[in-house]
Amino acid sequence: MALKYKTRKRLALLVLVVGLPIYIILAVNVVALINRPSILVELGVYVLLGILWILPFKSLFKGIGQPDPDADSEN
């Protein structure tokens, strides 16, 4: 079942406001568990983790910046 535009928009906002800070805290704690690698390796890990969080939510964020397709255009 496809989500309506308003529902997707609200879920995307929830993911950004609640889920992303939780993911950042978890990512920083996971990286802190290992001995500190070189700066380039650490940067690579953070870049990779920064890209990986979006993959499960790709379909949720797709088209959110566009006008509501369900709205009636009265022009």
N, C-alpha and C. Protein backbone atom coordinates (compact mmCIF):
# COMPACT_ATOMS: atom_id res chain seq x y z
N MET A 1 0.84 -1.17 0.00
CA MET A 1 0.00 0.00 0.00
C MET A 1 0.89 1.24 0.00
N ALA A 2 0.65 2.13 -0.93
CA ALA A 2 1.44 3.35 -1.04
C ALA A 2 0.95 4.39 -0.02
N LEU A 3 1.89 5.11 0.52
CA LEU A 3 1.54 6.15 1.48
C LEU A 3 1.09 7.41 0.76
N LYS A 4 0.17 8.12 1.36
CA LYS A 4 -0.25 9.40 0.79
C LYS A 4 0.86 10.42 0.96
N TYR A 5 0.78 11.48 0.18
CA TYR A 5 1.83 12.50 0.18
C TYR A 5 2.01 13.12 1.57
N LYS A 6 0.90 13.48 2.22
CA LYS A 6 1.00 14.11 3.55
C LYS A 6 1.61 13.16 4.57
N THR A 7 1.26 11.89 4.48
CA THR A 7 1.82 10.91 5.42
C THR A 7 3.31 10.74 5.19
N ARG A 8 3.72 10.65 3.92
CA ARG A 8 5.15 10.54 3.61
C ARG A 8 5.90 11.77 4.10
N LYS A 9 5.30 12.94 3.93
CA LYS A 9 5.96 14.18 4.35
C LYS A 9 6.14 14.20 5.87
N ARG A 10 5.12 13.78 6.59
CA ARG A 10 5.22 13.76 8.05
C ARG A 10 6.21 12.71 8.54
N LEU A 11 6.22 11.55 7.91
CA LEU A 11 7.19 10.52 8.28
C LEU A 11 8.62 10.96 7.98
N ALA A 12 8.81 11.64 6.86
CA ALA A 12 10.14 12.13 6.51
C ALA A 12 10.62 13.14 7.56
N LEU A 13 9.73 14.01 7.99
CA LEU A 13 10.08 14.97 9.04
C LEU A 13 10.42 14.26 10.34
N LEU A 14 9.65 13.24 10.69
CA LEU A 14 9.92 12.47 11.90
C LEU A 14 11.28 11.78 11.82
N VAL A 15 11.59 11.22 10.67
CA VAL A 15 12.89 10.57 10.49
C VAL A 15 14.01 11.58 10.66
N LEU A 16 13.85 12.76 10.09
CA LEU A 16 14.91 13.77 10.18
C LEU A 16 15.06 14.35 11.58
N VAL A 17 13.95 14.57 12.27
CA VAL A 17 14.00 15.23 13.58
C VAL A 17 14.34 14.25 14.70
N VAL A 18 13.85 13.03 14.62
CA VAL A 18 14.06 12.07 15.70
C VAL A 18 15.08 11.00 15.31
N GLY A 19 14.89 10.40 14.16
CA GLY A 19 15.73 9.27 13.76
C GLY A 19 17.16 9.63 13.45
N LEU A 20 17.38 10.72 12.76
CA LEU A 20 18.74 11.09 12.37
C LEU A 20 19.63 11.42 13.58
N PRO A 21 19.16 12.19 14.57
CA PRO A 21 20.01 12.40 15.75
C PRO A 21 20.34 11.10 16.49
N ILE A 22 19.38 10.18 16.56
CA ILE A 22 19.64 8.89 17.20
C ILE A 22 20.70 8.13 16.41
N TYR A 23 20.59 8.14 15.09
CA TYR A 23 21.57 7.45 14.24
C TYR A 23 22.95 8.08 14.39
N ILE A 24 23.03 9.38 14.49
CA ILE A 24 24.32 10.06 14.66
C ILE A 24 24.97 9.65 15.98
N ILE A 25 24.18 9.63 17.04
CA ILE A 25 24.71 9.24 18.35
C ILE A 25 25.22 7.79 18.31
N LEU A 26 24.44 6.90 17.69
CA LEU A 26 24.87 5.50 17.57
C LEU A 26 26.14 5.37 16.73
N ALA A 27 26.21 6.10 15.62
CA ALA A 27 27.39 6.03 14.75
C ALA A 27 28.64 6.51 15.46
N VAL A 28 28.53 7.60 16.20
CA VAL A 28 29.68 8.13 16.93
C VAL A 28 30.11 7.15 18.02
N ASN A 29 29.16 6.54 18.69
CA ASN A 29 29.51 5.57 19.74
C ASN A 29 30.14 4.31 19.16
N VAL A 30 29.67 3.85 18.02
CA VAL A 30 30.27 2.67 17.38
C VAL A 30 31.70 2.96 16.95
N VAL A 31 31.94 4.12 16.37
CA VAL A 31 33.29 4.48 15.95
C VAL A 31 34.20 4.67 17.17
N ALA A 32 33.65 5.12 18.28
CA ALA A 32 34.45 5.33 19.48
C ALA A 32 34.87 4.00 20.13
N LEU A 33 34.17 2.91 19.81
CA LEU A 33 34.52 1.62 20.39
C LEU A 33 35.86 1.10 19.88
N ILE A 34 36.22 1.45 18.66
CA ILE A 34 37.49 0.97 18.10
C ILE A 34 38.57 2.00 18.43
N ASN A 35 39.83 1.53 18.39
CA ASN A 35 40.94 2.46 18.59
C ASN A 35 40.92 3.49 17.48
N ARG A 36 41.33 4.69 17.79
CA ARG A 36 41.26 5.77 16.82
C ARG A 36 42.17 5.49 15.62
N PRO A 37 41.54 5.33 14.44
CA PRO A 37 42.35 5.12 13.24
C PRO A 37 42.90 6.45 12.73
N SER A 38 43.56 6.40 11.59
CA SER A 38 44.06 7.65 11.02
C SER A 38 42.88 8.53 10.62
N ILE A 39 43.16 9.80 10.47
CA ILE A 39 42.11 10.77 10.15
C ILE A 39 41.38 10.42 8.86
N LEU A 40 42.11 9.98 7.84
CA LEU A 40 41.48 9.65 6.56
C LEU A 40 40.56 8.44 6.68
N VAL A 41 40.95 7.44 7.44
CA VAL A 41 40.10 6.26 7.65
C VAL A 41 38.85 6.67 8.43
N GLU A 42 39.04 7.47 9.46
CA GLU A 42 37.90 7.93 10.26
C GLU A 42 36.95 8.77 9.41
N LEU A 43 37.49 9.64 8.58
CA LEU A 43 36.66 10.43 7.68
C LEU A 43 35.88 9.54 6.72
N GLY A 44 36.56 8.52 6.18
CA GLY A 44 35.88 7.58 5.28
C GLY A 44 34.75 6.84 5.96
N VAL A 45 34.96 6.43 7.21
CA VAL A 45 33.93 5.73 7.96
C VAL A 45 32.72 6.64 8.16
N TYR A 46 32.96 7.89 8.55
CA TYR A 46 31.85 8.81 8.77
C TYR A 46 31.12 9.15 7.47
N VAL A 47 31.84 9.27 6.38
CA VAL A 47 31.19 9.53 5.08
C VAL A 47 30.34 8.33 4.69
N LEU A 48 30.87 7.13 4.86
CA LEU A 48 30.12 5.93 4.54
C LEU A 48 28.86 5.81 5.41
N LEU A 49 29.00 6.03 6.70
CA LEU A 49 27.84 5.98 7.59
C LEU A 49 26.84 7.09 7.26
N GLY A 50 27.34 8.23 6.81
CA GLY A 50 26.46 9.33 6.43
C GLY A 50 25.64 9.02 5.20
N ILE A 51 26.17 8.19 4.33
CA ILE A 51 25.43 7.80 3.12
C ILE A 51 24.50 6.62 3.41
N LEU A 52 24.94 5.70 4.25
CA LEU A 52 24.16 4.49 4.51
C LEU A 52 22.82 4.73 5.18
N TRP A 53 22.69 5.78 5.98
CA TRP A 53 21.43 5.97 6.70
C TRP A 53 20.29 6.30 5.76
N ILE A 54 20.57 6.89 4.62
CA ILE A 54 19.51 7.34 3.73
C ILE A 54 18.94 6.21 2.87
N LEU A 55 19.72 5.15 2.63
CA LEU A 55 19.29 4.09 1.72
C LEU A 55 17.94 3.45 2.09
N PRO A 56 17.68 3.12 3.36
CA PRO A 56 16.36 2.54 3.67
C PRO A 56 15.21 3.53 3.50
N PHE A 57 15.50 4.81 3.54
CA PHE A 57 14.44 5.83 3.48
C PHE A 57 14.34 6.51 2.12
N LYS A 58 15.02 5.97 1.12
CA LYS A 58 15.04 6.61 -0.20
C LYS A 58 13.63 6.80 -0.76
N SER A 59 12.81 5.77 -0.67
CA SER A 59 11.46 5.88 -1.22
C SER A 59 10.59 6.84 -0.40
N LEU A 60 10.89 6.97 0.88
CA LEU A 60 10.12 7.89 1.72
C LEU A 60 10.40 9.34 1.35
N PHE A 61 11.66 9.66 1.06
CA PHE A 61 12.04 11.04 0.76
C PHE A 61 11.82 11.43 -0.70
N LYS A 62 11.62 10.46 -1.57
CA LYS A 62 11.49 10.75 -2.99
C LYS A 62 10.24 11.58 -3.27
N GLY A 63 10.42 12.74 -3.86
CA GLY A 63 9.30 13.59 -4.25
C GLY A 63 8.73 14.47 -3.16
N ILE A 64 9.35 14.51 -1.99
CA ILE A 64 8.82 15.31 -0.88
C ILE A 64 8.90 16.81 -1.18
N GLY A 65 9.89 17.25 -1.92
CA GLY A 65 10.04 18.67 -2.23
C GLY A 65 9.13 19.15 -3.35
N GLN A 66 8.42 18.25 -3.98
CA GLN A 66 7.52 18.61 -5.08
C GLN A 66 6.16 19.02 -4.52
N PRO A 67 5.36 19.72 -5.33
CA PRO A 67 3.99 20.05 -4.89
C PRO A 67 3.18 18.79 -4.66
N ASP A 68 2.17 18.89 -3.82
CA ASP A 68 1.32 17.76 -3.49
C ASP A 68 0.58 17.27 -4.74
N PRO A 69 0.84 16.05 -5.19
CA PRO A 69 0.17 15.56 -6.38
C PRO A 69 -1.30 15.22 -6.13
N ASP A 70 -1.67 15.04 -4.86
CA ASP A 70 -3.06 14.72 -4.52
C ASP A 70 -3.94 15.95 -4.43
N ALA A 71 -3.34 17.13 -4.34
CA ALA A 71 -4.11 18.37 -4.21
C ALA A 71 -4.79 18.70 -5.54
N ASP A 72 -5.99 19.20 -5.43
CA ASP A 72 -6.72 19.62 -6.63
C ASP A 72 -6.18 20.96 -7.09
N SER A 73 -5.80 21.03 -8.35
CA SER A 73 -5.35 22.32 -8.88
C SER A 73 -6.56 23.04 -9.47
N GLU A 74 -6.91 24.15 -8.88
CA GLU A 74 -8.12 24.89 -9.24
C GLU A 74 -7.83 26.01 -10.22
N ASN A 75 -6.66 26.02 -10.84
CA ASN A 75 -6.32 27.10 -11.76
C ASN A 75 -6.97 26.90 -13.09
